[in-house]
PDB file of N, CA and C in Angstrom:
ATOM      1  N   MET A   1       7.876   8.384   9.073  1.00  0.00           N
ATOM      2  CA  MET A   1       8.025   8.090   7.576  1.00  0.00           C
ATOM      3  C   MET A   1       8.303   9.205   6.909  1.00  0.00           C
ATOM      4  N   GLU A   2       7.972  10.493   7.342  1.00  0.00           N
ATOM      5  CA  GLU A   2       8.346  11.765   6.454  1.00  0.00           C
ATOM      6  C   GLU A   2       9.815  11.878   6.436  1.00  0.00           C
ATOM      7  N   ARG A   3      10.580  11.414   7.403  1.00  0.00           N
ATOM      8  CA  ARG A   3      12.049  11.459   7.393  1.00  0.00           C
ATOM      9  C   ARG A   3      12.669  10.284   6.676  1.00  0.00           C
ATOM     10  N   ALA A   4      11.930   9.338   6.216  1.00  0.00           N
ATOM     11  CA  ALA A   4      12.304   8.175   5.531  1.00  0.00           C
ATOM     12  C   ALA A   4      13.164   7.328   6.527  1.00  0.00           C
ATOM     13  N   ASP A   5      12.952   7.383   7.716  1.00  0.00           N
ATOM     14  CA  ASP A   5      13.502   6.459   8.790  1.00  0.00           C
ATOM     15  C   ASP A   5      12.512   5.314   9.041  1.00  0.00           C
ATOM     16  N   TYR A   6      12.490   4.308   8.049  1.00  0.00           N
ATOM     17  CA  TYR A   6      11.468   3.348   8.039  1.00  0.00           C
ATOM     18  C   TYR A   6      11.749   2.369   9.165  1.00  0.00           C
ATOM     19  N   LEU A   7      12.965   2.119   9.609  1.00  0.00           N
ATOM     20  CA  LEU A   7      13.108   1.222  10.626  1.00  0.00           C
ATOM     21  C   LEU A   7      12.601   1.769  11.979  1.00  0.00           C
ATOM     22  N   GLU A   8      12.665   3.097  12.206  1.00  0.00           N
ATOM     23  CA  GLU A   8      11.991   3.710  13.529  1.00  0.00           C
ATOM     24  C   GLU A   8      10.570   3.634  13.349  1.00  0.00           C
ATOM     25  N   ALA A   9      10.101   4.041  12.037  1.00  0.00           N
ATOM     26  CA  ALA A   9       8.762   4.250  11.871  1.00  0.00           C
ATOM     27  C   ALA A   9       8.069   2.876  12.153  1.00  0.00           C
ATOM     28  N   ALA A  10       8.748   1.827  11.621  1.00  0.00           N
ATOM     29  CA  ALA A  10       8.078   0.434  11.828  1.00  0.00           C
ATOM     30  C   ALA A  10       7.948   0.157  13.404  1.00  0.00           C
ATOM     31  N   LYS A  11       9.038   0.490  14.200  1.00  0.00           N
ATOM     32  CA  LYS A  11       8.948   0.134  15.441  1.00  0.00           C
ATOM     33  C   LYS A  11       7.959   0.972  16.185  1.00  0.00           C
ATOM     34  N   LEU A  12       7.679   2.107  15.756  1.00  0.00           N
ATOM     35  CA  LEU A  12       6.420   2.810  16.371  1.00  0.00           C
ATOM     36  C   LEU A  12       5.136   2.347  15.950  1.00  0.00           C
ATOM     37  N   LEU A  13       5.133   1.964  14.778  1.00  0.00           N
ATOM     38  CA  LEU A  13       3.896   1.410  14.287  1.00  0.00           C
ATOM     39  C   LEU A  13       3.406  -0.043  14.933  1.00  0.00           C
ATOM     40  N   GLU A  14       4.598  -0.717  15.018  1.00  0.00           N
ATOM     41  CA  GLU A  14       4.395  -2.008  15.726  1.00  0.00           C
ATOM     42  C   GLU A  14       3.727  -1.801  17.150  1.00  0.00           C
ATOM     43  N   VAL A  15       4.205  -0.762  17.840  1.00  0.00           N
ATOM     44  CA  VAL A  15       3.680  -0.562  19.280  1.00  0.00           C
ATOM     45  C   VAL A  15       2.248  -0.154  18.998  1.00  0.00           C
ATOM     46  N   SER A  16       2.040   0.667  18.173  1.00  0.00           N
ATOM     47  CA  SER A  16       0.659   1.293  18.039  1.00  0.00           C
ATOM     48  C   SER A  16      -0.248   0.021  17.509  1.00  0.00           C
ATOM     49  N   ALA A  17       0.105  -0.562  16.581  1.00  0.00           N
ATOM     50  CA  ALA A  17      -0.725  -1.745  16.366  1.00  0.00           C
ATOM     51  C   ALA A  17      -1.046  -2.930  17.206  1.00  0.00           C
ATOM     52  N   HIS A  18      -0.027  -3.107  18.223  1.00  0.00           N
ATOM     53  CA  HIS A  18      -0.315  -3.836  19.228  1.00  0.00           C
ATOM     54  C   HIS A  18      -1.231  -3.345  20.289  1.00  0.00           C
ATOM     55  N   ALA A  19      -1.153  -2.030  20.537  1.00  0.00           N
ATOM     56  CA  ALA A  19      -2.026  -1.398  21.522  1.00  0.00           C
ATOM     57  C   ALA A  19      -3.346  -1.222  21.032  1.00  0.00           C
ATOM     58  N   SER A  20      -3.496  -0.907  19.804  1.00  0.00           N
ATOM     59  CA  SER A  20      -4.876  -0.623  19.171  1.00  0.00           C
ATOM     60  C   SER A  20      -4.757  -0.870  17.739  1.00  0.00           C
ATOM     61  N   PRO A  21      -5.055  -2.087  17.210  1.00  0.00           N
ATOM     62  CA  PRO A  21      -4.995  -2.329  15.858  1.00  0.00           C
ATOM     63  C   PRO A  21      -5.957  -1.501  14.876  1.00  0.00           C
ATOM     64  N   HIS A  22      -5.420  -0.858  13.901  1.00  0.00           N
ATOM     65  CA  HIS A  22      -6.214  -0.192  13.005  1.00  0.00           C
ATOM     66  C   HIS A  22      -5.677  -0.507  11.414  1.00  0.00           C
ATOM     67  N   PHE A  23      -6.556  -0.587  10.496  1.00  0.00           N
ATOM     68  CA  PHE A  23      -6.223  -0.904   9.115  1.00  0.00           C
ATOM     69  C   PHE A  23      -5.058  -0.108   8.686  1.00  0.00           C
ATOM     70  N   LYS A  24      -5.110   1.307   8.982  1.00  0.00           N
ATOM     71  CA  LYS A  24      -4.040   2.179   8.371  1.00  0.00           C
ATOM     72  C   LYS A  24      -2.709   1.931   9.092  1.00  0.00           C
ATOM     73  N   THR A  25      -2.717   1.724  10.299  1.00  0.00           N
ATOM     74  CA  THR A  25      -1.395   1.465  11.068  1.00  0.00           C
ATOM     75  C   THR A  25      -0.837   0.206  10.472  1.00  0.00           C
ATOM     76  N   LEU A  26      -1.710  -0.798  10.300  1.00  0.00           N
ATOM     77  CA  LEU A  26      -1.097  -2.148   9.795  1.00  0.00           C
ATOM     78  C   LEU A  26      -0.580  -1.984   8.402  1.00  0.00           C
ATOM     79  N   GLU A  27      -1.421  -1.109   7.581  1.00  0.00           N
ATOM     80  CA  GLU A  27      -0.909  -0.958   6.135  1.00  0.00           C
ATOM     81  C   GLU A  27       0.423  -0.086   6.046  1.00  0.00           C
ATOM     82  N   LEU A  28       0.441   0.870   7.014  1.00  0.00           N
ATOM     83  CA  LEU A  28       1.819   1.606   7.015  1.00  0.00           C
ATOM     84  C   LEU A  28       2.836   0.743   7.449  1.00  0.00           C
ATOM     85  N   LEU A  29       2.606  -0.146   8.444  1.00  0.00           N
ATOM     86  CA  LEU A  29       3.657  -1.098   8.990  1.00  0.00           C
ATOM     87  C   LEU A  29       4.272  -2.039   7.889  1.00  0.00           C
ATOM     88  N   GLY A  30       3.275  -2.551   7.183  1.00  0.00           N
ATOM     89  CA  GLY A  30       3.590  -3.212   6.015  1.00  0.00           C
ATOM     90  C   GLY A  30       4.515  -2.667   4.987  1.00  0.00           C
ATOM     91  N   GLU A  31       4.028  -1.241   4.714  1.00  0.00           N
ATOM     92  CA  GLU A  31       4.708  -0.427   3.807  1.00  0.00           C
ATOM     93  C   GLU A  31       6.186  -0.246   4.269  1.00  0.00           C
ATOM     94  N   CYS A  32       6.343   0.061   5.596  1.00  0.00           N
ATOM     95  CA  CYS A  32       7.575   0.426   6.111  1.00  0.00           C
ATOM     96  C   CYS A  32       8.506  -0.963   5.964  1.00  0.00           C
ATOM     97  N   ARG A  33       8.086  -2.179   6.307  1.00  0.00           N
ATOM     98  CA  ARG A  33       8.807  -3.423   5.992  1.00  0.00           C
ATOM     99  C   ARG A  33       9.088  -3.503   4.557  1.00  0.00           C
ATOM    100  N   LEU A  34       8.297  -3.169   3.657  1.00  0.00           N
ATOM    101  CA  LEU A  34       8.728  -3.224   2.312  1.00  0.00           C
ATOM    102  C   LEU A  34       9.926  -2.372   1.935  1.00  0.00           C
ATOM    103  N   LYS A  35       9.830  -1.252   2.503  1.00  0.00           N
ATOM    104  CA  LYS A  35      10.773  -0.195   2.237  1.00  0.00           C
ATOM    105  C   LYS A  35      12.111  -0.604   2.794  1.00  0.00           C
ATOM    106  N   ASN A  36      11.996  -1.435   3.871  1.00  0.00           N
ATOM    107  CA  ASN A  36      13.198  -1.919   4.659  1.00  0.00           C
ATOM    108  C   ASN A  36      13.726  -3.108   3.998  1.00  0.00           C
ATOM    109  N   GLY A  37      13.254  -3.576   2.872  1.00  0.00           N
ATOM    110  CA  GLY A  37      13.582  -4.723   2.260  1.00  0.00           C
ATOM    111  C   GLY A  37      13.071  -6.026   2.940  1.00  0.00           C
ATOM    112  N   ASP A  38      12.126  -5.968   3.601  1.00  0.00           N
ATOM    113  CA  ASP A  38      11.553  -7.178   4.307  1.00  0.00           C
ATOM    114  C   ASP A  38      10.071  -7.536   3.641  1.00  0.00           C
ATOM    115  N   PRO A  39       9.976  -8.054   2.508  1.00  0.00           N
ATOM    116  CA  PRO A  39       8.633  -8.246   1.970  1.00  0.00           C
ATOM    117  C   PRO A  39       8.046  -9.511   2.742  1.00  0.00           C
ATOM    118  N   HIS A  40       8.632 -10.347   3.119  1.00  0.00           N
ATOM    119  CA  HIS A  40       8.108 -11.410   4.010  1.00  0.00           C
ATOM    120  C   HIS A  40       7.431 -10.707   5.203  1.00  0.00           C
ATOM    121  N   GLY A  41       8.153 -10.033   5.827  1.00  0.00           N
ATOM    122  CA  GLY A  41       7.642  -9.344   7.266  1.00  0.00           C
ATOM    123  C   GLY A  41       6.470  -8.463   6.905  1.00  0.00           C
ATOM    124  N   ALA A  42       6.311  -7.968   5.513  1.00  0.00           N
ATOM    125  CA  ALA A  42       5.168  -7.071   5.258  1.00  0.00           C
ATOM    126  C   ALA A  42       3.903  -7.752   5.113  1.00  0.00           C
ATOM    127  N   ILE A  43       3.987  -9.023   4.764  1.00  0.00           N
ATOM    128  CA  ILE A  43       2.751  -9.815   4.417  1.00  0.00           C
ATOM    129  C   ILE A  43       1.689  -9.811   5.616  1.00  0.00           C
ATOM    130  N   LEU A  44       2.014 -10.219   6.751  1.00  0.00           N
ATOM    131  CA  LEU A  44       1.052 -10.230   7.797  1.00  0.00           C
ATOM    132  C   LEU A  44       0.332  -8.991   8.244  1.00  0.00           C
ATOM    133  N   PRO A  45       1.106  -7.868   8.276  1.00  0.00           N
ATOM    134  CA  PRO A  45       0.298  -6.551   8.570  1.00  0.00           C
ATOM    135  C   PRO A  45      -0.602  -6.183   7.477  1.00  0.00           C
ATOM    136  N   LEU A  46      -0.047  -6.362   6.288  1.00  0.00           N
ATOM    137  CA  LEU A  46      -0.984  -5.986   5.021  1.00  0.00           C
ATOM    138  C   LEU A  46      -2.292  -6.794   5.059  1.00  0.00           C
ATOM    139  N   ALA A  47      -2.129  -8.079   5.230  1.00  0.00           N
ATOM    140  CA  ALA A  47      -3.163  -8.994   5.208  1.00  0.00           C
ATOM    141  C   ALA A  47      -4.066  -8.674   6.179  1.00  0.00           C
ATOM    142  N   ALA A  48      -3.524  -8.359   7.533  1.00  0.00           N
ATOM    143  CA  ALA A  48      -4.487  -7.991   8.471  1.00  0.00           C
ATOM    144  C   ALA A  48      -5.217  -6.626   8.220  1.00  0.00           C
ATOM    145  N   SER A  49      -4.499  -5.729   7.705  1.00  0.00           N
ATOM    146  CA  SER A  49      -5.028  -4.430   7.241  1.00  0.00           C
ATOM    147  C   SER A  49      -6.225  -4.634   6.313  1.00  0.00           C
ATOM    148  N   ILE A  50      -6.166  -5.524   5.311  1.00  0.00           N
ATOM    149  CA  ILE A  50      -7.235  -5.854   4.383  1.00  0.00           C
ATOM    150  C   ILE A  50      -8.394  -6.523   5.334  1.00  0.00           C
ATOM    151  N   GLY A  51      -8.182  -7.405   6.213  1.00  0.00           N
ATOM    152  CA  GLY A  51      -8.992  -7.960   7.093  1.00  0.00           C
ATOM    153  C   GLY A  51      -9.823  -6.921   7.806  1.00  0.00           C
ATOM    154  N   PHE A  52      -9.277  -6.025   8.222  1.00  0.00           N
ATOM    155  CA  PHE A  52     -10.031  -4.833   9.029  1.00  0.00           C
ATOM    156  C   PHE A  52     -10.842  -4.153   7.989  1.00  0.00           C
ATOM    157  N   ASP A  53     -10.384  -3.842   6.793  1.00  0.00           N
ATOM    158  CA  ASP A  53     -11.196  -3.025   5.831  1.00  0.00           C
ATOM    159  C   ASP A  53     -10.916  -3.513   4.468  1.00  0.00           C
ATOM    160  N   ARG A  54     -11.883  -4.338   3.933  1.00  0.00           N
ATOM    161  CA  ARG A  54     -11.782  -4.974   2.688  1.00  0.00           C
ATOM    162  C   ARG A  54     -11.794  -4.060   1.539  1.00  0.00           C
ATOM    163  N   ASN A  55     -12.046  -2.665   1.727  1.00  0.00           N
ATOM    164  CA  ASN A  55     -12.005  -1.793   0.607  1.00  0.00           C
ATOM    165  C   ASN A  55     -10.777  -0.994   0.473  1.00  0.00           C
ATOM    166  N   VAL A  56      -9.685  -1.510   1.068  1.00  0.00           N
ATOM    167  CA  VAL A  56      -8.397  -0.800   1.074  1.00  0.00           C
ATOM    168  C   VAL A  56      -7.583  -1.394  -0.114  1.00  0.00           C
ATOM    169  N   SER A  57      -7.665  -0.465  -1.103  1.00  0.00           N
ATOM    170  CA  SER A  57      -6.962  -0.947  -2.518  1.00  0.00           C
ATOM    171  C   SER A  57      -5.485  -0.769  -2.234  1.00  0.00           C
ATOM    172  N   ARG A  58      -4.986   0.125  -1.519  1.00  0.00           N
ATOM    173  CA  ARG A  58      -3.500   0.257  -1.256  1.00  0.00           C
ATOM    174  C   ARG A  58      -2.956  -0.721  -0.595  1.00  0.00           C
ATOM    175  N   ALA A  59      -3.651  -1.376   0.417  1.00  0.00           N
ATOM    176  CA  ALA A  59      -3.065  -2.450   1.098  1.00  0.00           C
ATOM    177  C   ALA A  59      -2.985  -3.826   0.250  1.00  0.00           C
ATOM    178  N   CYS A  60      -3.882  -3.927  -0.711  1.00  0.00           N
ATOM    179  CA  CYS A  60      -3.971  -4.927  -1.529  1.00  0.00           C
ATOM    180  C   CYS A  60      -2.808  -4.786  -2.536  1.00  0.00           C
ATOM    181  N   TYR A  61      -2.577  -3.519  -3.043  1.00  0.00           N
ATOM    182  CA  TYR A  61      -1.439  -3.275  -3.924  1.00  0.00           C
ATOM    183  C   TYR A  61      -0.065  -3.621  -3.379  1.00  0.00           C
ATOM    184  N   LEU A  62      -0.015  -3.084  -1.983  1.00  0.00           N
ATOM    185  CA  LEU A  62       1.269  -3.361  -1.309  1.00  0.00           C
ATOM    186  C   LEU A  62       1.520  -4.976  -1.113  1.00  0.00           C
ATOM    187  N   LEU A  63       0.489  -5.659  -0.673  1.00  0.00           N
ATOM    188  CA  LEU A  63       0.509  -7.201  -0.572  1.00  0.00           C
ATOM    189  C   LEU A  63       1.034  -7.652  -1.919  1.00  0.00           C
ATOM    190  N   GLY A  64       0.378  -7.269  -2.969  1.00  0.00           N
ATOM    191  CA  GLY A  64       0.821  -7.803  -4.248  1.00  0.00           C
ATOM    192  C   GLY A  64       2.251  -7.528  -4.554  1.00  0.00           C
ATOM    193  N   ARG A  65       2.785  -6.295  -4.081  1.00  0.00           N
ATOM    194  CA  ARG A  65       4.161  -5.970  -4.259  1.00  0.00           C
ATOM    195  C   ARG A  65       4.896  -6.826  -3.514  1.00  0.00           C
ATOM    196  N   ALA A  66       4.641  -7.178  -2.235  1.00  0.00           N
ATOM    197  CA  ALA A  66       5.382  -8.021  -1.379  1.00  0.00           C
ATOM    198  C   ALA A  66       5.473  -9.443  -1.912  1.00  0.00           C
ATOM    199  N   PHE A  67       4.285  -9.962  -2.471  1.00  0.00           N
ATOM    200  CA  PHE A  67       4.511 -11.339  -3.042  1.00  0.00           C
ATOM    201  C   PHE A  67       5.319 -11.260  -4.445  1.00  0.00           C
ATOM    202  N   ALA A  68       5.288 -10.126  -5.088  1.00  0.00           N
ATOM    203  CA  ALA A  68       6.232  -9.979  -6.285  1.00  0.00           C
ATOM    204  C   ALA A  68       7.599 -10.061  -5.963  1.00  0.00           C
ATOM    205  N   GLU A  69       7.746  -9.414  -4.882  1.00  0.00           N
ATOM    206  CA  GLU A  69       9.400  -9.336  -4.455  1.00  0.00           C
ATOM    207  C   GLU A  69       9.843 -10.627  -3.951  1.00  0.00           C
ATOM    208  N   LEU A  70       8.889 -11.474  -3.470  1.00  0.00           N
ATOM    209  CA  LEU A  70       9.186 -12.757  -2.905  1.00  0.00           C
ATOM    210  C   LEU A  70       9.101 -13.768  -4.082  1.00  0.00           C
ATOM    211  N   GLY A  71       8.750 -13.410  -5.271  1.00  0.00           N
ATOM    212  CA  GLY A  71       8.831 -14.258  -6.324  1.00  0.00           C
ATOM    213  C   GLY A  71       7.448 -15.014  -6.637  1.00  0.00           C
ATOM    214  N   ASP A  72       6.503 -14.776  -5.838  1.00  0.00           N
ATOM    215  CA  ASP A  72       5.309 -15.367  -6.000  1.00  0.00           C
ATOM    216  C   ASP A  72       4.300 -14.715  -6.955  1.00  0.00           C
ATOM    217  N   LYS A  73       4.494 -14.964  -8.150  1.00  0.00           N
ATOM    218  CA  LYS A  73       3.759 -14.168  -9.221  1.00  0.00           C
ATOM    219  C   LYS A  73       2.300 -14.243  -9.118  1.00  0.00           C
ATOM    220  N   ASP A  74       1.874 -15.565  -9.201  1.00  0.00           N
ATOM    221  CA  ASP A  74       0.350 -15.774  -8.912  1.00  0.00           C
ATOM    222  C   ASP A  74      -0.263 -15.069  -7.882  1.00  0.00           C
ATOM    223  N   GLU A  75       0.346 -15.173  -6.645  1.00  0.00           N
ATOM    224  CA  GLU A  75      -0.274 -14.500  -5.532  1.00  0.00           C
ATOM    225  C   GLU A  75      -0.225 -13.004  -5.772  1.00  0.00           C
ATOM    226  N   ALA A  76       0.974 -12.494  -6.172  1.00  0.00           N
ATOM    227  CA  ALA A  76       1.044 -11.066  -6.500  1.00  0.00           C
ATOM    228  C   ALA A  76      -0.105 -10.562  -7.432  1.00  0.00           C
ATOM    229  N   ILE A  77      -0.313 -11.335  -8.497  1.00  0.00           N
ATOM    230  CA  ILE A  77      -1.206 -11.001  -9.672  1.00  0.00           C
ATOM    231  C   ILE A  77      -2.723 -10.900  -8.859  1.00  0.00           C
ATOM    232  N   LEU A  78      -3.119 -11.978  -8.005  1.00  0.00           N
ATOM    233  CA  LEU A  78      -4.297 -12.053  -7.188  1.00  0.00           C
ATOM    234  C   LEU A  78      -4.595 -10.684  -6.575  1.00  0.00           C
ATOM    235  N   HIS A  79      -3.522 -10.275  -5.803  1.00  0.00           N
ATOM    236  CA  HIS A  79      -3.809  -9.124  -5.003  1.00  0.00           C
ATOM    237  C   HIS A  79      -3.865  -7.815  -5.749  1.00  0.00           C
ATOM    238  N   LEU A  80      -2.940  -7.796  -6.836  1.00  0.00           N
ATOM    239  CA  LEU A  80      -3.082  -6.501  -7.707  1.00  0.00           C
ATOM    240  C   LEU A  80      -4.459  -6.453  -8.338  1.00  0.00           C
ATOM    241  N   LYS A  81      -5.023  -7.444  -8.761  1.00  0.00           N
ATOM    242  CA  LYS A  81      -6.439  -7.560  -9.462  1.00  0.00           C
ATOM    243  C   LYS A  81      -7.346  -7.064  -8.353  1.00  0.00           C
ATOM    244  N   ARG A  82      -7.307  -7.561  -7.126  1.00  0.00           N
ATOM    245  CA  ARG A  82      -8.102  -7.057  -6.173  1.00  0.00           C
ATOM    246  C   ARG A  82      -7.997  -5.575  -5.889  1.00  0.00           C
ATOM    247  N   ALA A  83      -6.854  -5.062  -6.032  1.00  0.00           N
ATOM    248  CA  ALA A  83      -6.639  -3.524  -5.883  1.00  0.00           C
ATOM    249  C   ALA A  83      -7.284  -2.781  -6.945  1.00  0.00           C
ATOM    250  N   LEU A  84      -7.129  -3.344  -8.074  1.00  0.00           N
ATOM    251  CA  LEU A  84      -7.732  -2.808  -9.277  1.00  0.00           C
ATOM    252  C   LEU A  84      -9.294  -2.821  -9.355  1.00  0.00           C
ATOM    253  N   ALA A  85      -9.848  -3.917  -8.786  1.00  0.00           N
ATOM    254  CA  ALA A  85     -11.208  -4.114  -8.693  1.00  0.00           C
ATOM    255  C   ALA A  85     -11.843  -3.025  -7.812  1.00  0.00           C
ATOM    256  N   LYS A  86     -11.013  -2.539  -6.674  1.00  0.00           N
ATOM    257  CA  LYS A  86     -11.667  -1.685  -5.812  1.00  0.00           C
ATOM    258  C   LYS A  86     -11.362  -0.245  -6.298  1.00  0.00           C
ATOM    259  N   GLN A  87     -10.251  -0.093  -7.100  1.00  0.00           N
ATOM    260  CA  GLN A  87      -9.905   1.313  -7.544  1.00  0.00           C
ATOM    261  C   GLN A  87      -9.222   1.052  -9.015  1.00  0.00           C
ATOM    262  N   PRO A  88     -10.134   1.169 -10.017  1.00  0.00           N
ATOM    263  CA  PRO A  88      -9.773   0.805 -11.424  1.00  0.00           C
ATOM    264  C   PRO A  88      -8.641   1.845 -11.871  1.00  0.00           C
ATOM    265  N   ASP A  89      -8.445   2.872 -11.390  1.00  0.00           N
ATOM    266  CA  ASP A  89      -7.376   3.816 -11.881  1.00  0.00           C
ATOM    267  C   ASP A  89      -6.192   3.896 -11.177  1.00  0.00           C
ATOM    268  N   PHE A  90      -5.870   2.854 -10.364  1.00  0.00           N
ATOM    269  CA  PHE A  90      -4.733   2.777  -9.492  1.00  0.00           C
ATOM    270  C   PHE A  90      -3.510   2.342 -10.485  1.00  0.00           C
ATOM    271  N   LYS A  91      -2.827   3.581 -10.791  1.00  0.00           N
ATOM    272  CA  LYS A  91      -1.817   3.472 -11.940  1.00  0.00           C
ATOM    273  C   LYS A  91      -0.559   2.456 -11.432  1.00  0.00           C
ATOM    274  N   GLN A  92      -0.137   2.637 -10.258  1.00  0.00           N
ATOM    275  CA  GLN A  92       0.923   1.706  -9.769  1.00  0.00           C
ATOM    276  C   GLN A  92       0.549   0.190  -9.685  1.00  0.00           C
ATOM    277  N   ALA A  93      -0.662  -0.097  -9.386  1.00  0.00           N
ATOM    278  CA  ALA A  93      -1.093  -1.418  -9.380  1.00  0.00           C
ATOM    279  C   ALA A  93      -1.279  -1.932 -10.878  1.00  0.00           C
ATOM    280  N   ARG A  94      -1.733  -1.158 -11.612  1.00  0.00           N
ATOM    281  CA  ARG A  94      -1.942  -1.540 -13.100  1.00  0.00           C
ATOM    282  C   ARG A  94      -0.504  -1.858 -13.717  1.00  0.00           C
ATOM    283  N   ILE A  95       0.478  -0.882 -13.518  1.00  0.00           N
ATOM    284  CA  ILE A  95       1.772  -1.011 -13.906  1.00  0.00           C
ATOM    285  C   ILE A  95       2.348  -2.315 -13.588  1.00  0.00           C
ATOM    286  N   LEU A  96       2.314  -2.545 -12.263  1.00  0.00           N
ATOM    287  CA  LEU A  96       2.951  -3.717 -11.756  1.00  0.00           C
ATOM    288  C   LEU A  96       2.372  -5.031 -12.244  1.00  0.00           C
ATOM    289  N   LEU A  97       1.083  -4.898 -12.355  1.00  0.00           N
ATOM    290  CA  LEU A  97       0.355  -6.130 -13.122  1.00  0.00           C
ATOM    291  C   LEU A  97       0.733  -6.427 -14.353  1.00  0.00           C
ATOM    292  N   GLU A  98       0.861  -5.409 -15.163  1.00  0.00           N
ATOM    293  CA  GLU A  98       1.350  -5.564 -16.581  1.00  0.00           C
ATOM    294  C   GLU A  98       2.705  -6.060 -16.712  1.00  0.00           C
ATOM    295  N   VAL A  99       3.527  -5.622 -15.869  1.00  0.00           N
ATOM    296  CA  VAL A  99       4.902  -6.168 -15.750  1.00  0.00           C
ATOM    297  C   VAL A  99       5.040  -7.588 -15.373  1.00  0.00           C
ATOM    298  N   LEU A 100       4.252  -7.869 -14.409  1.00  0.00           N
ATOM    299  CA  LEU A 100       4.048  -9.414 -14.016  1.00  0.00           C
ATOM    300  C   LEU A 100       3.561 -10.347 -15.100  1.00  0.00           C
ATOM    301  N   SER A 101       2.437  -9.678 -15.692  1.00  0.00           N
ATOM    302  CA  SER A 101       1.764 -10.512 -16.648  1.00  0.00           C
ATOM    303  C   SER A 101       2.577 -10.776 -17.863  1.00  0.00           C
ATOM    304  N   HIS A 102       3.757 -10.123 -18.145  1.00  0.00           N
ATOM    305  CA  HIS A 102       4.465 -10.334 -19.406  1.00  0.00           C
ATOM    306  C   HIS A 102       5.709 -11.140 -18.945  1.00  0.00           C
ATOM    307  N   GLN A 103       5.784 -11.527 -17.612  1.00  0.00           N
ATOM    308  CA  GLN A 103       6.993 -12.244 -17.234  1.00  0.00           C
ATOM    309  C   GLN A 103       6.558 -13.782 -17.480  1.00  0.00           C
ATOM    310  N   PRO A 104       7.519 -14.560 -17.804  1.00  0.00           N
ATOM    311  CA  PRO A 104       7.363 -16.201 -18.051  1.00  0.00           C
ATOM    312  C   PRO A 104       7.047 -16.777 -16.768  1.00  0.00           C
TER     313      PRO A 104
END
């Protein structure tokens, strides 16, 4: 991920998640898929990440972003609110929530 080669990073993270699932691995896999322009493919690993550790505000934010990119505003807002409930000072989540809240 440091080299911004998100396709290669996603492949490595998939292997790692399959061998030994961990919330951070799944979160990073979802993030890579978002950065690769695949919000639909990001949903499952991000949801699984939250399932492993319900206190992960970043995974909630990324899941909200994925749903926003797919046009599911209500689901996006739900996950952004969850992220902010866990981490009230999460600036990116607050900004995206405000943007979505002002859309018709």
